[in-house]
Amino acid sequence: MGVRFDLISGAFVTFSTLLSIYMKGKVSSEYLIITLQIVIELMSMLSITVRMYAEVQQMMTSSQRIFEYT
């Protein structure tokens, strides 16, 4: 992976937070809170997905090495 996932997710959360602060007087605070909660949950799910992908890729590499050695 060329770009680190944590930098992208951090930038997305920061952008969403700054946009929520900017929209404070224009949008109901309940909508802003729900939006921030959804963004945080989405980032945690994406983090888990990337971690699981890396583990599966590592397991596949291990099985390929075992196959190669036998």
N, C-alpha and C. Protein backbone atom coordinates (compact mmCIF):
# COMPACT_ATOMS: atom_id res chain seq x y z
N MET A 1 0.85 -1.18 0.00
CA MET A 1 0.00 0.00 0.00
C MET A 1 0.89 1.24 0.00
N GLY A 2 0.63 2.13 -0.93
CA GLY A 2 1.46 3.32 -1.04
C GLY A 2 1.18 4.34 0.04
N VAL A 3 -0.06 4.56 0.35
CA VAL A 3 -0.43 5.56 1.34
C VAL A 3 -0.93 4.85 2.58
N ARG A 4 -0.52 5.34 3.72
CA ARG A 4 -0.94 4.69 4.96
C ARG A 4 -2.41 4.98 5.24
N PHE A 5 -3.11 3.93 5.69
CA PHE A 5 -4.54 4.04 5.94
C PHE A 5 -4.85 4.98 7.08
N ASP A 6 -4.01 5.02 8.12
CA ASP A 6 -4.30 5.86 9.27
C ASP A 6 -4.22 7.34 8.91
N LEU A 7 -3.38 7.71 7.95
CA LEU A 7 -3.33 9.11 7.52
C LEU A 7 -4.60 9.52 6.78
N ILE A 8 -5.09 8.62 5.94
CA ILE A 8 -6.31 8.91 5.19
C ILE A 8 -7.50 9.00 6.14
N SER A 9 -7.62 8.04 7.05
CA SER A 9 -8.76 8.06 7.98
C SER A 9 -8.68 9.25 8.92
N GLY A 10 -7.48 9.60 9.37
CA GLY A 10 -7.32 10.78 10.23
C GLY A 10 -7.71 12.06 9.52
N ALA A 11 -7.32 12.17 8.25
CA ALA A 11 -7.69 13.35 7.47
C ALA A 11 -9.19 13.42 7.27
N PHE A 12 -9.82 12.26 7.03
CA PHE A 12 -11.27 12.24 6.83
C PHE A 12 -12.01 12.65 8.10
N VAL A 13 -11.59 12.13 9.25
CA VAL A 13 -12.22 12.49 10.52
C VAL A 13 -12.00 13.97 10.82
N THR A 14 -10.79 14.46 10.58
CA THR A 14 -10.49 15.88 10.82
C THR A 14 -11.35 16.76 9.92
N PHE A 15 -11.46 16.41 8.65
CA PHE A 15 -12.28 17.18 7.72
C PHE A 15 -13.74 17.19 8.16
N SER A 16 -14.25 16.02 8.56
CA SER A 16 -15.65 15.93 9.00
C SER A 16 -15.88 16.75 10.26
N THR A 17 -14.93 16.72 11.18
CA THR A 17 -15.07 17.49 12.42
C THR A 17 -15.04 18.99 12.13
N LEU A 18 -14.11 19.43 11.30
CA LEU A 18 -14.04 20.85 10.96
C LEU A 18 -15.28 21.32 10.21
N LEU A 19 -15.79 20.47 9.33
CA LEU A 19 -17.03 20.82 8.62
C LEU A 19 -18.20 20.90 9.59
N SER A 20 -18.24 20.02 10.59
CA SER A 20 -19.30 20.07 11.59
C SER A 20 -19.22 21.35 12.41
N ILE A 21 -18.01 21.76 12.76
CA ILE A 21 -17.84 23.01 13.51
C ILE A 21 -18.29 24.19 12.66
N TYR A 22 -17.95 24.17 11.37
CA TYR A 22 -18.34 25.25 10.47
C TYR A 22 -19.86 25.32 10.32
N MET A 23 -20.53 24.18 10.31
CA MET A 23 -21.98 24.13 10.11
C MET A 23 -22.76 24.25 11.42
N LYS A 24 -22.10 24.57 12.51
CA LYS A 24 -22.72 24.57 13.83
C LYS A 24 -24.00 25.40 13.91
N GLY A 25 -23.99 26.59 13.41
CA GLY A 25 -25.17 27.44 13.50
C GLY A 25 -26.19 27.21 12.40
N LYS A 26 -25.80 26.50 11.35
CA LYS A 26 -26.66 26.33 10.18
C LYS A 26 -27.46 25.04 10.21
N VAL A 27 -26.95 24.04 10.93
CA VAL A 27 -27.60 22.73 10.97
C VAL A 27 -27.86 22.38 12.43
N SER A 28 -28.91 21.63 12.67
CA SER A 28 -29.24 21.22 14.03
C SER A 28 -28.10 20.41 14.65
N SER A 29 -27.86 20.63 15.92
CA SER A 29 -26.75 19.95 16.59
C SER A 29 -26.95 18.43 16.66
N GLU A 30 -28.21 17.98 16.68
CA GLU A 30 -28.46 16.54 16.69
C GLU A 30 -27.95 15.88 15.41
N TYR A 31 -28.15 16.54 14.26
CA TYR A 31 -27.65 16.00 13.00
C TYR A 31 -26.12 15.96 12.98
N LEU A 32 -25.50 16.99 13.53
CA LEU A 32 -24.04 17.01 13.56
C LEU A 32 -23.48 15.91 14.45
N ILE A 33 -24.12 15.67 15.59
CA ILE A 33 -23.66 14.61 16.49
C ILE A 33 -23.81 13.24 15.84
N ILE A 34 -24.95 13.01 15.20
CA ILE A 34 -25.17 11.73 14.52
C ILE A 34 -24.15 11.54 13.40
N THR A 35 -23.87 12.61 12.66
CA THR A 35 -22.89 12.53 11.58
C THR A 35 -21.51 12.16 12.11
N LEU A 36 -21.09 12.80 13.19
CA LEU A 36 -19.77 12.48 13.76
C LEU A 36 -19.73 11.06 14.30
N GLN A 37 -20.80 10.59 14.90
CA GLN A 37 -20.83 9.21 15.39
C GLN A 37 -20.72 8.22 14.24
N ILE A 38 -21.42 8.48 13.15
CA ILE A 38 -21.36 7.60 11.98
C ILE A 38 -19.96 7.60 11.39
N VAL A 39 -19.33 8.76 11.31
CA VAL A 39 -17.98 8.85 10.75
C VAL A 39 -17.00 8.05 11.61
N ILE A 40 -17.11 8.18 12.92
CA ILE A 40 -16.21 7.45 13.82
C ILE A 40 -16.44 5.94 13.71
N GLU A 41 -17.69 5.51 13.65
CA GLU A 41 -17.98 4.08 13.49
C GLU A 41 -17.49 3.56 12.15
N LEU A 42 -17.64 4.35 11.10
CA LEU A 42 -17.17 3.95 9.78
C LEU A 42 -15.66 3.79 9.76
N MET A 43 -14.95 4.69 10.39
CA MET A 43 -13.50 4.59 10.43
C MET A 43 -13.04 3.37 11.23
N SER A 44 -13.75 3.05 12.30
CA SER A 44 -13.37 1.86 13.07
C SER A 44 -13.64 0.59 12.26
N MET A 45 -14.75 0.56 11.52
CA MET A 45 -15.04 -0.61 10.69
C MET A 45 -14.03 -0.75 9.56
N LEU A 46 -13.64 0.35 8.95
CA LEU A 46 -12.64 0.30 7.89
C LEU A 46 -11.28 -0.14 8.43
N SER A 47 -10.96 0.29 9.63
CA SER A 47 -9.71 -0.12 10.26
C SER A 47 -9.69 -1.63 10.49
N ILE A 48 -10.79 -2.16 10.99
CA ILE A 48 -10.88 -3.61 11.21
C ILE A 48 -10.80 -4.35 9.88
N THR A 49 -11.43 -3.83 8.84
CA THR A 49 -11.40 -4.46 7.53
C THR A 49 -9.99 -4.52 6.97
N VAL A 50 -9.25 -3.43 7.09
CA VAL A 50 -7.88 -3.41 6.59
C VAL A 50 -7.01 -4.38 7.38
N ARG A 51 -7.21 -4.45 8.69
CA ARG A 51 -6.45 -5.39 9.52
C ARG A 51 -6.76 -6.83 9.11
N MET A 52 -8.02 -7.15 8.88
CA MET A 52 -8.40 -8.51 8.48
C MET A 52 -7.82 -8.84 7.09
N TYR A 53 -7.83 -7.88 6.19
CA TYR A 53 -7.25 -8.09 4.86
C TYR A 53 -5.76 -8.40 4.97
N ALA A 54 -5.06 -7.67 5.81
CA ALA A 54 -3.63 -7.92 6.00
C ALA A 54 -3.38 -9.31 6.58
N GLU A 55 -4.21 -9.73 7.52
CA GLU A 55 -4.05 -11.06 8.11
C GLU A 55 -4.31 -12.15 7.09
N VAL A 56 -5.34 -12.00 6.27
CA VAL A 56 -5.63 -13.00 5.24
C VAL A 56 -4.50 -13.06 4.23
N GLN A 57 -3.98 -11.92 3.85
CA GLN A 57 -2.87 -11.88 2.91
C GLN A 57 -1.64 -12.57 3.50
N GLN A 58 -1.39 -12.37 4.77
CA GLN A 58 -0.27 -13.02 5.44
C GLN A 58 -0.48 -14.53 5.48
N MET A 59 -1.68 -14.97 5.78
CA MET A 59 -1.96 -16.42 5.80
C MET A 59 -1.80 -17.04 4.42
N MET A 60 -2.22 -16.32 3.39
CA MET A 60 -2.06 -16.84 2.03
C MET A 60 -0.59 -16.96 1.66
N THR A 61 0.20 -15.98 2.06
CA THR A 61 1.63 -16.04 1.79
C THR A 61 2.26 -17.23 2.50
N SER A 62 1.84 -17.48 3.74
CA SER A 62 2.37 -18.62 4.48
C SER A 62 2.00 -19.93 3.80
N SER A 63 0.77 -20.05 3.33
CA SER A 63 0.36 -21.29 2.67
C SER A 63 1.08 -21.47 1.34
N GLN A 64 1.35 -20.38 0.63
CA GLN A 64 2.10 -20.47 -0.62
C GLN A 64 3.53 -20.94 -0.36
N ARG A 65 4.13 -20.46 0.71
CA ARG A 65 5.49 -20.91 1.06
C ARG A 65 5.51 -22.38 1.43
N ILE A 66 4.53 -22.84 2.17
CA ILE A 66 4.47 -24.26 2.52
C ILE A 66 4.33 -25.11 1.26
N PHE A 67 3.46 -24.67 0.36
CA PHE A 67 3.27 -25.39 -0.90
C PHE A 67 4.57 -25.40 -1.71
N GLU A 68 5.26 -24.27 -1.73
CA GLU A 68 6.52 -24.17 -2.49
C GLU A 68 7.60 -25.08 -1.92
N TYR A 69 7.69 -25.18 -0.60
CA TYR A 69 8.72 -25.99 0.03
C TYR A 69 8.46 -27.49 -0.09
N THR A 70 7.20 -27.89 -0.29
CA THR A 70 6.91 -29.32 -0.36
C THR A 70 7.02 -29.85 -1.73
